[in-house]
Amino acid sequence: MFWTSRNIIATGIPQCFKNFLCTRVITDCTKFTIEALSSLVNQSITYSYYKFHNAFNVFVSITPAGAVIFLLQEWGGLNAL
């Protein structure tokens, strides 16, 4: 993972982050609903028994200015984060 220096972040920080100058990264895990795949094996991998649909998980880290610095793509369902 590449860490942007605080000086670079401070020069391009959006107004909504002006009170949080120590913020260097924002992380989030997001689940996207996807259509059922044609392969039954892939359907079973992505099926979420918790949500009762097929899903795809993404773990992402961004700088306050919106630059993506880390992205982990993971299948949903049984491998849910």
Protein backbone atom coordinates (compact mmCIF):
# COMPACT_ATOMS: atom_id res chain seq x y z
CA MET A 1 0.00 0.00 0.00
CA PHE A 2 1.32 3.42 -0.94
CA TRP A 3 1.00 6.08 1.77
CA THR A 4 0.72 9.63 0.52
CA SER A 5 2.71 12.16 2.56
CA ARG A 6 0.80 14.44 4.91
CA ASN A 7 2.08 17.52 3.08
CA ILE A 8 0.63 16.36 -0.24
CA ILE A 9 -2.69 15.44 1.40
CA ALA A 10 -2.86 18.81 3.20
CA THR A 11 -2.45 20.75 -0.06
CA GLY A 12 -5.35 18.98 -1.79
CA ILE A 13 -7.67 18.21 1.11
CA PRO A 14 -11.37 18.93 0.46
CA GLN A 15 -13.19 21.48 2.61
CA CYS A 16 -15.15 18.76 4.43
CA PHE A 17 -11.87 17.34 5.79
CA LYS A 18 -10.33 20.66 6.93
CA ASN A 19 -11.09 19.77 10.57
CA PHE A 20 -9.43 16.36 10.15
CA LEU A 21 -5.96 17.23 8.89
CA CYS A 22 -4.45 14.06 10.39
CA THR A 23 -6.63 11.87 8.16
CA ARG A 24 -4.44 10.05 5.64
CA VAL A 25 -6.69 7.24 4.50
CA ILE A 26 -10.39 6.32 4.46
CA THR A 27 -11.23 2.61 4.30
CA ASP A 28 -14.50 0.96 3.43
CA CYS A 29 -15.80 -2.50 2.67
CA THR A 30 -18.64 -2.40 0.19
CA LYS A 31 -20.88 -5.19 -1.03
CA PHE A 32 -22.35 -4.94 -4.52
CA THR A 33 -25.38 -6.94 -5.58
CA ILE A 34 -24.72 -8.73 -8.86
CA GLU A 35 -26.85 -10.74 -11.26
CA ALA A 36 -26.79 -14.50 -10.92
CA LEU A 37 -23.87 -15.84 -12.97
CA SER A 38 -24.38 -18.43 -15.70
CA SER A 39 -21.90 -20.85 -14.09
CA LEU A 40 -23.47 -22.73 -11.19
CA VAL A 41 -20.07 -22.97 -9.47
CA ASN A 42 -19.65 -19.19 -9.57
CA GLN A 43 -23.25 -18.72 -8.47
CA SER A 44 -22.59 -20.79 -5.39
CA ILE A 45 -19.38 -18.85 -4.65
CA THR A 46 -21.08 -15.46 -4.84
CA TYR A 47 -24.40 -16.34 -3.22
CA SER A 48 -24.99 -14.64 0.13
CA TYR A 49 -27.20 -16.70 2.43
CA TYR A 50 -27.42 -13.67 4.69
CA LYS A 51 -28.78 -11.33 1.99
CA PHE A 52 -30.38 -14.01 -0.24
CA HIS A 53 -28.78 -12.78 -3.48
CA ASN A 54 -25.45 -12.90 -5.30
CA ALA A 55 -22.94 -10.32 -4.13
CA PHE A 56 -19.37 -9.13 -4.70
CA ASN A 57 -17.24 -7.57 -1.94
CA VAL A 58 -14.66 -4.82 -2.38
CA PHE A 59 -12.35 -3.45 0.31
CA VAL A 60 -10.98 -0.04 -0.72
CA SER A 61 -8.74 2.61 0.82
CA ILE A 62 -8.67 6.17 -0.54
CA THR A 63 -7.00 9.45 0.34
CA PRO A 64 -9.22 12.36 1.45
CA ALA A 65 -8.85 13.80 -2.08
CA GLY A 66 -10.28 10.59 -3.57
CA ALA A 67 -7.20 8.78 -4.91
CA VAL A 68 -7.51 5.00 -4.58
CA ILE A 69 -4.42 3.64 -2.82
CA PHE A 70 -5.55 0.07 -2.05
CA LEU A 71 -8.16 -2.20 -3.59
CA LEU A 72 -8.93 -5.77 -2.57
CA GLN A 73 -11.55 -7.55 -4.63
CA GLU A 74 -13.12 -10.59 -3.09
CA TRP A 75 -15.99 -12.83 -4.09
CA GLY A 76 -19.08 -12.58 -1.96
CA GLY A 77 -21.28 -15.17 -0.38
CA LEU A 78 -19.21 -17.69 1.54
CA ASN A 79 -16.10 -15.48 1.39
CA ALA A 80 -17.85 -12.37 2.70
CA LEU A 81 -15.64 -9.96 4.62
